[in-house]
Amino acid sequence: DFYQILGVSRSASSNEIKKAYRKLAKALHPDKNQDDPDASQKFQDLGAAYEALSDPEKRELYDRCGEDCLKKDGMMNNNDPFASFFGDFGFHFGGEQQQHET
């Protein structure tokens, strides 16, 4: 359950979800838990939970029918556990550029 992974209630605000994620990301990072063979998987699970619950559309879908619906609809980015985290800080890696009207 993504809410359990983050340690928040189902009624948690987006701010509470973000705070919980940041705290756990620091604590569960594989570099800080080199003796734990499951550290990488725990960190990836944390990233998946944050990705789903930090996006209102994904969260609504998850609340209705769980993780399977997110995967089926192609809404989970399981290949990049850092995508959501770095996205919060405005880092956009890749070819996307913003266009400004003049």
PDB file of N, CA and C in Angstrom:
ATOM      1  N   ASP A   1       0.840  -1.186   0.000  1.00  0.00           N
ATOM      2  CA  ASP A   1       0.000   0.000   0.000  1.00  0.00           C
ATOM      3  C   ASP A   1       0.884   1.247   0.000  1.00  0.00           C
ATOM      4  N   PHE A   2       0.690   2.121  -0.973  1.00  0.00           N
ATOM      5  CA  PHE A   2       1.521   3.311  -1.101  1.00  0.00           C
ATOM      6  C   PHE A   2       1.423   4.229   0.118  1.00  0.00           C
ATOM      7  N   TYR A   3       0.266   4.297   0.735  1.00  0.00           N
ATOM      8  CA  TYR A   3       0.122   5.136   1.923  1.00  0.00           C
ATOM      9  C   TYR A   3       0.962   4.584   3.075  1.00  0.00           C
ATOM     10  N   GLN A   4       0.991   3.273   3.223  1.00  0.00           N
ATOM     11  CA  GLN A   4       1.807   2.648   4.266  1.00  0.00           C
ATOM     12  C   GLN A   4       3.288   2.861   3.995  1.00  0.00           C
ATOM     13  N   ILE A   5       3.699   2.739   2.743  1.00  0.00           N
ATOM     14  CA  ILE A   5       5.108   2.940   2.395  1.00  0.00           C
ATOM     15  C   ILE A   5       5.562   4.328   2.826  1.00  0.00           C
ATOM     16  N   LEU A   6       4.717   5.330   2.592  1.00  0.00           N
ATOM     17  CA  LEU A   6       5.054   6.703   2.964  1.00  0.00           C
ATOM     18  C   LEU A   6       4.744   7.018   4.425  1.00  0.00           C
ATOM     19  N   GLY A   7       3.995   6.153   5.083  1.00  0.00           N
ATOM     20  CA  GLY A   7       3.656   6.378   6.485  1.00  0.00           C
ATOM     21  C   GLY A   7       2.677   7.513   6.686  1.00  0.00           C
ATOM     22  N   VAL A   8       1.757   7.680   5.743  1.00  0.00           N
ATOM     23  CA  VAL A   8       0.749   8.739   5.844  1.00  0.00           C
ATOM     24  C   VAL A   8      -0.648   8.133   5.759  1.00  0.00           C
ATOM     25  N   SER A   9      -1.626   8.904   6.205  1.00  0.00           N
ATOM     26  CA  SER A   9      -3.014   8.441   6.128  1.00  0.00           C
ATOM     27  C   SER A   9      -3.560   8.684   4.726  1.00  0.00           C
ATOM     28  N   ARG A  10      -4.677   8.053   4.425  1.00  0.00           N
ATOM     29  CA  ARG A  10      -5.323   8.235   3.117  1.00  0.00           C
ATOM     30  C   ARG A  10      -5.832   9.667   2.932  1.00  0.00           C
ATOM     31  N   SER A  11      -5.998  10.386   4.017  1.00  0.00           N
ATOM     32  CA  SER A  11      -6.467  11.768   3.925  1.00  0.00           C
ATOM     33  C   SER A  11      -5.313  12.777   3.966  1.00  0.00           C
ATOM     34  N   ALA A  12      -4.081  12.308   3.845  1.00  0.00           N
ATOM     35  CA  ALA A  12      -2.911  13.189   3.923  1.00  0.00           C
ATOM     36  C   ALA A  12      -2.944  14.233   2.811  1.00  0.00           C
ATOM     37  N   SER A  13      -2.503  15.427   3.152  1.00  0.00           N
ATOM     38  CA  SER A  13      -2.422  16.499   2.154  1.00  0.00           C
ATOM     39  C   SER A  13      -1.202  16.268   1.264  1.00  0.00           C
ATOM     40  N   SER A  14      -1.160  16.974   0.153  1.00  0.00           N
ATOM     41  CA  SER A  14      -0.008  16.840  -0.742  1.00  0.00           C
ATOM     42  C   SER A  14       1.271  17.295  -0.047  1.00  0.00           C
ATOM     43  N   ASN A  15       1.166  18.276   0.824  1.00  0.00           N
ATOM     44  CA  ASN A  15       2.326  18.742   1.577  1.00  0.00           C
ATOM     45  C   ASN A  15       2.818  17.670   2.553  1.00  0.00           C
ATOM     46  N   GLU A  16       1.904  16.982   3.221  1.00  0.00           N
ATOM     47  CA  GLU A  16       2.279  15.898   4.136  1.00  0.00           C
ATOM     48  C   GLU A  16       2.948  14.752   3.375  1.00  0.00           C
ATOM     49  N   ILE A  17       2.446  14.457   2.202  1.00  0.00           N
ATOM     50  CA  ILE A  17       3.025  13.398   1.369  1.00  0.00           C
ATOM     51  C   ILE A  17       4.440  13.772   0.957  1.00  0.00           C
ATOM     52  N   LYS A  18       4.629  15.016   0.545  1.00  0.00           N
ATOM     53  CA  LYS A  18       5.956  15.476   0.126  1.00  0.00           C
ATOM     54  C   LYS A  18       6.949  15.426   1.291  1.00  0.00           C
ATOM     55  N   LYS A  19       6.529  15.894   2.464  1.00  0.00           N
ATOM     56  CA  LYS A  19       7.413  15.875   3.637  1.00  0.00           C
ATOM     57  C   LYS A  19       7.800  14.451   4.016  1.00  0.00           C
ATOM     58  N   ALA A  20       6.830  13.557   4.000  1.00  0.00           N
ATOM     59  CA  ALA A  20       7.099  12.158   4.343  1.00  0.00           C
ATOM     60  C   ALA A  20       8.069  11.547   3.338  1.00  0.00           C
ATOM     61  N   TYR A  21       7.864  11.831   2.068  1.00  0.00           N
ATOM     62  CA  TYR A  21       8.744  11.295   1.029  1.00  0.00           C
ATOM     63  C   TYR A  21      10.177  11.783   1.222  1.00  0.00           C
ATOM     64  N   ARG A  22      10.351  13.062   1.405  1.00  0.00           N
ATOM     65  CA  ARG A  22      11.707  13.616   1.545  1.00  0.00           C
ATOM     66  C   ARG A  22      12.422  13.032   2.761  1.00  0.00           C
ATOM     67  N   LYS A  23      11.705  12.906   3.853  1.00  0.00           N
ATOM     68  CA  LYS A  23      12.302  12.340   5.068  1.00  0.00           C
ATOM     69  C   LYS A  23      12.722  10.888   4.834  1.00  0.00           C
ATOM     70  N   LEU A  24      11.830  10.101   4.254  1.00  0.00           N
ATOM     71  CA  LEU A  24      12.130   8.688   4.017  1.00  0.00           C
ATOM     72  C   LEU A  24      13.175   8.495   2.922  1.00  0.00           C
ATOM     73  N   ALA A  25      13.191   9.365   1.918  1.00  0.00           N
ATOM     74  CA  ALA A  25      14.181   9.244   0.841  1.00  0.00           C
ATOM     75  C   ALA A  25      15.591   9.393   1.396  1.00  0.00           C
ATOM     76  N   LYS A  26      15.760  10.302   2.333  1.00  0.00           N
ATOM     77  CA  LYS A  26      17.070  10.467   2.972  1.00  0.00           C
ATOM     78  C   LYS A  26      17.423   9.241   3.801  1.00  0.00           C
ATOM     79  N   ALA A  27      16.458   8.737   4.551  1.00  0.00           N
ATOM     80  CA  ALA A  27      16.712   7.606   5.450  1.00  0.00           C
ATOM     81  C   ALA A  27      16.898   6.289   4.708  1.00  0.00           C
ATOM     82  N   LEU A  28      16.172   6.101   3.613  1.00  0.00           N
ATOM     83  CA  LEU A  28      16.188   4.815   2.910  1.00  0.00           C
ATOM     84  C   LEU A  28      17.131   4.766   1.714  1.00  0.00           C
ATOM     85  N   HIS A  29      17.828   5.839   1.442  1.00  0.00           N
ATOM     86  CA  HIS A  29      18.700   5.854   0.268  1.00  0.00           C
ATOM     87  C   HIS A  29      19.699   4.700   0.334  1.00  0.00           C
ATOM     88  N   PRO A  30      19.877   3.971  -0.763  1.00  0.00           N
ATOM     89  CA  PRO A  30      20.783   2.808  -0.772  1.00  0.00           C
ATOM     90  C   PRO A  30      22.213   3.133  -0.344  1.00  0.00           C
ATOM     91  N   ASP A  31      22.695   4.340  -0.618  1.00  0.00           N
ATOM     92  CA  ASP A  31      24.048   4.705  -0.196  1.00  0.00           C
ATOM     93  C   ASP A  31      24.176   4.777   1.320  1.00  0.00           C
ATOM     94  N   LYS A  32      23.086   5.063   2.002  1.00  0.00           N
ATOM     95  CA  LYS A  32      23.099   5.122   3.465  1.00  0.00           C
ATOM     96  C   LYS A  32      22.779   3.777   4.099  1.00  0.00           C
ATOM     97  N   ASN A  33      22.392   2.806   3.294  1.00  0.00           N
ATOM     98  CA  ASN A  33      21.996   1.486   3.800  1.00  0.00           C
ATOM     99  C   ASN A  33      22.704   0.381   3.022  1.00  0.00           C
ATOM    100  N   GLN A  34      24.003   0.497   2.908  1.00  0.00           N
ATOM    101  CA  GLN A  34      24.769  -0.447   2.098  1.00  0.00           C
ATOM    102  C   GLN A  34      24.741  -1.865   2.649  1.00  0.00           C
ATOM    103  N   ASP A  35      24.439  -2.025   3.928  1.00  0.00           N
ATOM    104  CA  ASP A  35      24.372  -3.360   4.527  1.00  0.00           C
ATOM    105  C   ASP A  35      23.018  -4.028   4.325  1.00  0.00           C
ATOM    106  N   ASP A  36      22.051  -3.294   3.814  1.00  0.00           N
ATOM    107  CA  ASP A  36      20.709  -3.835   3.597  1.00  0.00           C
ATOM    108  C   ASP A  36      20.551  -4.250   2.138  1.00  0.00           C
ATOM    109  N   PRO A  37      20.461  -5.556   1.873  1.00  0.00           N
ATOM    110  CA  PRO A  37      20.327  -6.010   0.482  1.00  0.00           C
ATOM    111  C   PRO A  37      19.013  -5.569  -0.172  1.00  0.00           C
ATOM    112  N   ASP A  38      18.028  -5.180   0.628  1.00  0.00           N
ATOM    113  CA  ASP A  38      16.731  -4.744   0.106  1.00  0.00           C
ATOM    114  C   ASP A  38      16.627  -3.226  -0.029  1.00  0.00           C
ATOM    115  N   ALA A  39      17.703  -2.512   0.268  1.00  0.00           N
ATOM    116  CA  ALA A  39      17.660  -1.051   0.292  1.00  0.00           C
ATOM    117  C   ALA A  39      17.238  -0.459  -1.050  1.00  0.00           C
ATOM    118  N   SER A  40      17.776  -0.978  -2.115  1.00  0.00           N
ATOM    119  CA  SER A  40      17.445  -0.444  -3.436  1.00  0.00           C
ATOM    120  C   SER A  40      15.965  -0.634  -3.752  1.00  0.00           C
ATOM    121  N   GLN A  41      15.435  -1.810  -3.426  1.00  0.00           N
ATOM    122  CA  GLN A  41      14.018  -2.080  -3.686  1.00  0.00           C
ATOM    123  C   GLN A  41      13.122  -1.197  -2.822  1.00  0.00           C
ATOM    124  N   LYS A  42      13.491  -0.999  -1.563  1.00  0.00           N
ATOM    125  CA  LYS A  42      12.707  -0.133  -0.676  1.00  0.00           C
ATOM    126  C   LYS A  42      12.677   1.294  -1.225  1.00  0.00           C
ATOM    127  N   PHE A  43      13.830   1.743  -1.713  1.00  0.00           N
ATOM    128  CA  PHE A  43      13.924   3.093  -2.254  1.00  0.00           C
ATOM    129  C   PHE A  43      13.082   3.231  -3.525  1.00  0.00           C
ATOM    130  N   GLN A  44      13.094   2.218  -4.364  1.00  0.00           N
ATOM    131  CA  GLN A  44      12.270   2.241  -5.577  1.00  0.00           C
ATOM    132  C   GLN A  44      10.784   2.213  -5.232  1.00  0.00           C
ATOM    133  N   ASP A  45      10.417   1.421  -4.234  1.00  0.00           N
ATOM    134  CA  ASP A  45       9.019   1.377  -3.794  1.00  0.00           C
ATOM    135  C   ASP A  45       8.581   2.742  -3.271  1.00  0.00           C
ATOM    136  N   LEU A  46       9.472   3.389  -2.528  1.00  0.00           N
ATOM    137  CA  LEU A  46       9.185   4.719  -2.007  1.00  0.00           C
ATOM    138  C   LEU A  46       8.960   5.701  -3.158  1.00  0.00           C
ATOM    139  N   GLY A  47       9.808   5.625  -4.174  1.00  0.00           N
ATOM    140  CA  GLY A  47       9.659   6.500  -5.338  1.00  0.00           C
ATOM    141  C   GLY A  47       8.352   6.267  -6.071  1.00  0.00           C
ATOM    142  N   ALA A  48       7.970   5.004  -6.200  1.00  0.00           N
ATOM    143  CA  ALA A  48       6.708   4.672  -6.869  1.00  0.00           C
ATOM    144  C   ALA A  48       5.522   5.202  -6.070  1.00  0.00           C
ATOM    145  N   ALA A  49       5.594   5.067  -4.747  1.00  0.00           N
ATOM    146  CA  ALA A  49       4.515   5.564  -3.890  1.00  0.00           C
ATOM    147  C   ALA A  49       4.381   7.077  -4.022  1.00  0.00           C
ATOM    148  N   TYR A  50       5.511   7.759  -3.996  1.00  0.00           N
ATOM    149  CA  TYR A  50       5.468   9.217  -4.115  1.00  0.00           C
ATOM    150  C   TYR A  50       4.962   9.650  -5.488  1.00  0.00           C
ATOM    151  N   GLU A  51       5.421   8.969  -6.514  1.00  0.00           N
ATOM    152  CA  GLU A  51       4.982   9.305  -7.875  1.00  0.00           C
ATOM    153  C   GLU A  51       3.465   9.219  -7.992  1.00  0.00           C
ATOM    154  N   ALA A  52       2.890   8.176  -7.422  1.00  0.00           N
ATOM    155  CA  ALA A  52       1.443   7.975  -7.522  1.00  0.00           C
ATOM    156  C   ALA A  52       0.660   8.947  -6.653  1.00  0.00           C
ATOM    157  N   LEU A  53       1.116   9.171  -5.437  1.00  0.00           N
ATOM    158  CA  LEU A  53       0.317   9.960  -4.498  1.00  0.00           C
ATOM    159  C   LEU A  53       0.552  11.460  -4.596  1.00  0.00           C
ATOM    160  N   SER A  54       1.623  11.880  -5.241  1.00  0.00           N
ATOM    161  CA  SER A  54       1.890  13.313  -5.355  1.00  0.00           C
ATOM    162  C   SER A  54       1.175  13.944  -6.547  1.00  0.00           C
ATOM    163  N   ASP A  55       0.682  13.129  -7.447  1.00  0.00           N
ATOM    164  CA  ASP A  55      -0.040  13.616  -8.623  1.00  0.00           C
ATOM    165  C   ASP A  55      -1.534  13.391  -8.394  1.00  0.00           C
ATOM    166  N   PRO A  56      -2.331  14.450  -8.375  1.00  0.00           N
ATOM    167  CA  PRO A  56      -3.764  14.291  -8.063  1.00  0.00           C
ATOM    168  C   PRO A  56      -4.494  13.286  -8.955  1.00  0.00           C
ATOM    169  N   GLU A  57      -4.189  13.280 -10.244  1.00  0.00           N
ATOM    170  CA  GLU A  57      -4.853  12.354 -11.166  1.00  0.00           C
ATOM    171  C   GLU A  57      -4.458  10.903 -10.866  1.00  0.00           C
ATOM    172  N   LYS A  58      -3.164  10.681 -10.650  1.00  0.00           N
ATOM    173  CA  LYS A  58      -2.695   9.327 -10.332  1.00  0.00           C
ATOM    174  C   LYS A  58      -3.224   8.871  -8.973  1.00  0.00           C
ATOM    175  N   ARG A  59      -3.261   9.806  -8.024  1.00  0.00           N
ATOM    176  CA  ARG A  59      -3.746   9.457  -6.689  1.00  0.00           C
ATOM    177  C   ARG A  59      -5.211   9.034  -6.732  1.00  0.00           C
ATOM    178  N   GLU A  60      -6.012   9.769  -7.495  1.00  0.00           N
ATOM    179  CA  GLU A  60      -7.432   9.423  -7.614  1.00  0.00           C
ATOM    180  C   GLU A  60      -7.598   8.028  -8.216  1.00  0.00           C
ATOM    181  N   LEU A  61      -6.835   7.747  -9.252  1.00  0.00           N
ATOM    182  CA  LEU A  61      -6.897   6.434  -9.889  1.00  0.00           C
ATOM    183  C   LEU A  61      -6.427   5.343  -8.928  1.00  0.00           C
ATOM    184  N   TYR A  62      -5.338   5.603  -8.205  1.00  0.00           N
ATOM    185  CA  TYR A  62      -4.826   4.635  -7.228  1.00  0.00           C
ATOM    186  C   TYR A  62      -5.867   4.372  -6.137  1.00  0.00           C
ATOM    187  N   ASP A  63      -6.496   5.435  -5.646  1.00  0.00           N
ATOM    188  CA  ASP A  63      -7.508   5.284  -4.596  1.00  0.00           C
ATOM    189  C   ASP A  63      -8.702   4.464  -5.079  1.00  0.00           C
ATOM    190  N   ARG A  64      -9.035   4.585  -6.360  1.00  0.00           N
ATOM    191  CA  ARG A  64     -10.165   3.834  -6.903  1.00  0.00           C
ATOM    192  C   ARG A  64      -9.842   2.363  -7.120  1.00  0.00           C
ATOM    193  N   CYS A  65      -8.663   2.060  -7.670  1.00  0.00           N
ATOM    194  CA  CYS A  65      -8.433   0.650  -8.024  1.00  0.00           C
ATOM    195  C   CYS A  65      -7.001   0.162  -7.852  1.00  0.00           C
ATOM    196  N   GLY A  66      -6.157   0.909  -7.190  1.00  0.00           N
ATOM    197  CA  GLY A  66      -4.842   0.410  -6.828  1.00  0.00           C
ATOM    198  C   GLY A  66      -3.758   0.567  -7.883  1.00  0.00           C
ATOM    199  N   GLU A  67      -2.612   0.013  -7.540  1.00  0.00           N
ATOM    200  CA  GLU A  67      -1.409   0.141  -8.364  1.00  0.00           C
ATOM    201  C   GLU A  67      -1.572  -0.478  -9.751  1.00  0.00           C
ATOM    202  N   ASP A  68      -2.321  -1.562  -9.831  1.00  0.00           N
ATOM    203  CA  ASP A  68      -2.501  -2.233 -11.122  1.00  0.00           C
ATOM    204  C   ASP A  68      -3.115  -1.306 -12.168  1.00  0.00           C
ATOM    205  N   CYS A  69      -4.052  -0.457 -11.754  1.00  0.00           N
ATOM    206  CA  CYS A  69      -4.674   0.484 -12.695  1.00  0.00           C
ATOM    207  C   CYS A  69      -3.648   1.488 -13.218  1.00  0.00           C
ATOM    208  N   LEU A  70      -2.763   1.945 -12.346  1.00  0.00           N
ATOM    209  CA  LEU A  70      -1.751   2.901 -12.771  1.00  0.00           C
ATOM    210  C   LEU A  70      -0.812   2.279 -13.797  1.00  0.00           C
ATOM    211  N   LYS A  71      -0.425   1.045 -13.542  1.00  0.00           N
ATOM    212  CA  LYS A  71       0.470   0.356 -14.478  1.00  0.00           C
ATOM    213  C   LYS A  71      -0.237   0.093 -15.802  1.00  0.00           C
ATOM    214  N   LYS A  72      -1.494  -0.334 -15.714  1.00  0.00           N
ATOM    215  CA  LYS A  72      -2.264  -0.652 -16.916  1.00  0.00           C
ATOM    216  C   LYS A  72      -2.457   0.586 -17.789  1.00  0.00           C
ATOM    217  N   ASP A  73      -2.694   1.720 -17.152  1.00  0.00           N
ATOM    218  CA  ASP A  73      -2.918   2.957 -17.894  1.00  0.00           C
ATOM    219  C   ASP A  73      -1.615   3.649 -18.288  1.00  0.00           C
ATOM    220  N   GLY A  74      -0.474   3.038 -17.952  1.00  0.00           N
ATOM    221  CA  GLY A  74       0.823   3.605 -18.311  1.00  0.00           C
ATOM    222  C   GLY A  74       1.167   4.866 -17.552  1.00  0.00           C
ATOM    223  N   MET A  75       0.636   5.004 -16.347  1.00  0.00           N
ATOM    224  CA  MET A  75       0.854   6.221 -15.582  1.00  0.00           C
ATOM    225  C   MET A  75       2.017   6.120 -14.601  1.00  0.00           C
ATOM    226  N   MET A  76       2.635   4.958 -14.504  1.00  0.00           N
ATOM    227  CA  MET A  76       3.761   4.797 -13.583  1.00  0.00           C
ATOM    228  C   MET A  76       5.058   4.821 -14.369  1.00  0.00           C
ATOM    229  N   ASN A  77       6.053   5.540 -13.834  1.00  0.00           N
ATOM    230  CA  ASN A  77       7.372   5.629 -14.446  1.00  0.00           C
ATOM    231  C   ASN A  77       8.329   4.797 -13.608  1.00  0.00           C
ATOM    232  N   ASN A  78       8.224   3.482 -13.710  1.00  0.00           N
ATOM    233  CA  ASN A  78       9.019   2.591 -12.871  1.00  0.00           C
ATOM    234  C   ASN A  78      10.492   2.576 -13.234  1.00  0.00           C
ATOM    235  N   ASN A  79      10.853   3.115 -14.367  1.00  0.00           N
ATOM    236  CA  ASN A  79      12.243   3.073 -14.789  1.00  0.00           C
ATOM    237  C   ASN A  79      13.092   4.149 -14.143  1.00  0.00           C
ATOM    238  N   ASP A  80      12.501   5.200 -13.613  1.00  0.00           N
ATOM    239  CA  ASP A  80      13.265   6.309 -13.067  1.00  0.00           C
ATOM    240  C   ASP A  80      12.736   6.715 -11.700  1.00  0.00           C
ATOM    241  N   PRO A  81      13.298   6.115 -10.622  1.00  0.00           N
ATOM    242  CA  PRO A  81      12.800   6.436  -9.284  1.00  0.00           C
ATOM    243  C   PRO A  81      13.081   7.871  -8.874  1.00  0.00           C
ATOM    244  N   PHE A  82      13.972   8.582  -9.591  1.00  0.00           N
ATOM    245  CA  PHE A  82      14.306   9.947  -9.233  1.00  0.00           C
ATOM    246  C   PHE A  82      13.469  10.979  -9.978  1.00  0.00           C
ATOM    247  N   ALA A  83      12.694  10.546 -10.956  1.00  0.00           N
ATOM    248  CA  ALA A  83      11.954  11.477 -11.803  1.00  0.00           C
ATOM    249  C   ALA A  83      11.048  12.388 -10.989  1.00  0.00           C
ATOM    250  N   SER A  84      10.276  11.842 -10.085  1.00  0.00           N
ATOM    251  CA  SER A  84       9.363  12.659  -9.291  1.00  0.00           C
ATOM    252  C   SER A  84      10.117  13.547  -8.322  1.00  0.00           C
ATOM    253  N   PHE A  85      11.157  13.007  -7.708  1.00  0.00           N
ATOM    254  CA  PHE A  85      11.905  13.752  -6.710  1.00  0.00           C
ATOM    255  C   PHE A  85      12.553  14.979  -7.332  1.00  0.00           C
ATOM    256  N   PHE A  86      13.292  14.795  -8.426  1.00  0.00           N
ATOM    257  CA  PHE A  86      13.967  15.918  -9.045  1.00  0.00           C
ATOM    258  C   PHE A  86      12.985  16.860  -9.713  1.00  0.00           C
ATOM    259  N   GLY A  87      11.854  16.342 -10.136  1.00  0.00           N
ATOM    260  CA  GLY A  87      10.837  17.188 -10.728  1.00  0.00           C
ATOM    261  C   GLY A  87      10.343  18.247  -9.763  1.00  0.00           C
ATOM    262  N   ASP A  88      10.347  17.934  -8.462  1.00  0.00           N
ATOM    263  CA  ASP A  88       9.915  18.889  -7.453  1.00  0.00           C
ATOM    264  C   ASP A  88      10.835  20.095  -7.354  1.00  0.00           C
ATOM    265  N   PHE A  89      12.076  19.933  -7.788  1.00  0.00           N
ATOM    266  CA  PHE A  89      13.037  21.013  -7.676  1.00  0.00           C
ATOM    267  C   PHE A  89      13.245  21.757  -8.985  1.00  0.00           C
ATOM    268  N   GLY A  90      12.451  21.415  -9.993  1.00  0.00           N
ATOM    269  CA  GLY A  90      12.534  22.119 -11.255  1.00  0.00           C
ATOM    270  C   GLY A  90      13.605  21.609 -12.194  1.00  0.00           C
ATOM    271  N   PHE A  91      14.238  20.489 -11.891  1.00  0.00           N
ATOM    272  CA  PHE A  91      15.229  19.916 -12.796  1.00  0.00           C
ATOM    273  C   PHE A  91      14.496  19.085 -13.827  1.00  0.00           C
ATOM    274  N   HIS A  92      14.671  19.412 -15.072  1.00  0.00           N
ATOM    275  CA  HIS A  92      14.022  18.653 -16.135  1.00  0.00           C
ATOM    276  C   HIS A  92      15.104  18.143 -17.068  1.00  0.00           C
ATOM    277  N   PHE A  93      15.381  16.867 -16.979  1.00  0.00           N
ATOM    278  CA  PHE A  93      16.402  16.264 -17.816  1.00  0.00           C
ATOM    279  C   PHE A  93      15.761  15.772 -19.092  1.00  0.00           C
ATOM    280  N   GLY A  94      16.437  15.953 -20.190  1.00  0.00           N
ATOM    281  CA  GLY A  94      15.899  15.486 -21.462  1.00  0.00           C
ATOM    282  C   GLY A  94      15.724  16.642 -22.423  1.00  0.00           C
ATOM    283  N   GLY A  95      14.986  16.398 -23.469  1.00  0.00           N
ATOM    284  CA  GLY A  95      14.878  17.358 -24.551  1.00  0.00           C
ATOM    285  C   GLY A  95      13.767  18.372 -24.434  1.00  0.00           C
ATOM    286  N   GLU A  96      13.024  18.370 -23.344  1.00  0.00           N
ATOM    287  CA  GLU A  96      11.906  19.306 -23.243  1.00  0.00           C
ATOM    288  C   GLU A  96      12.408  20.722 -23.009  1.00  0.00           C
ATOM    289  N   GLN A  97      11.846  21.666 -23.717  1.00  0.00           N
ATOM    290  CA  GLN A  97      12.159  23.067 -23.514  1.00  0.00           C
ATOM    291  C   GLN A  97      10.855  23.834 -23.447  1.00  0.00           C
ATOM    292  N   GLN A  98      10.845  24.827 -22.591  1.00  0.00           N
ATOM    293  CA  GLN A  98       9.655  25.653 -22.499  1.00  0.00           C
ATOM    294  C   GLN A  98       9.685  26.688 -23.614  1.00  0.00           C
ATOM    295  N   GLN A  99       8.530  26.955 -24.179  1.00  0.00           N
ATOM    296  CA  GLN A  99       8.427  27.996 -25.188  1.00  0.00           C
ATOM    297  C   GLN A  99       7.714  29.178 -24.568  1.00  0.00           C
ATOM    298  N   HIS A 100       8.260  30.343 -24.796  1.00  0.00           N
ATOM    299  CA  HIS A 100       7.671  31.556 -24.241  1.00  0.00           C
ATOM    300  C   HIS A 100       7.065  32.379 -25.367  1.00  0.00           C
ATOM    301  N   GLU A 101       5.885  32.922 -25.118  1.00  0.00           N
ATOM    302  CA  GLU A 101       5.259  33.794 -26.105  1.00  0.00           C
ATOM    303  C   GLU A 101       5.922  35.154 -26.064  1.00  0.00           C
ATOM    304  N   THR A 102       6.041  35.771 -27.216  1.00  0.00           N
ATOM    305  CA  THR A 102       6.645  37.106 -27.261  1.00  0.00           C
ATOM    306  C   THR A 102       5.635  38.152 -27.611  1.00  0.00           C
TER     307      THR A 102
END
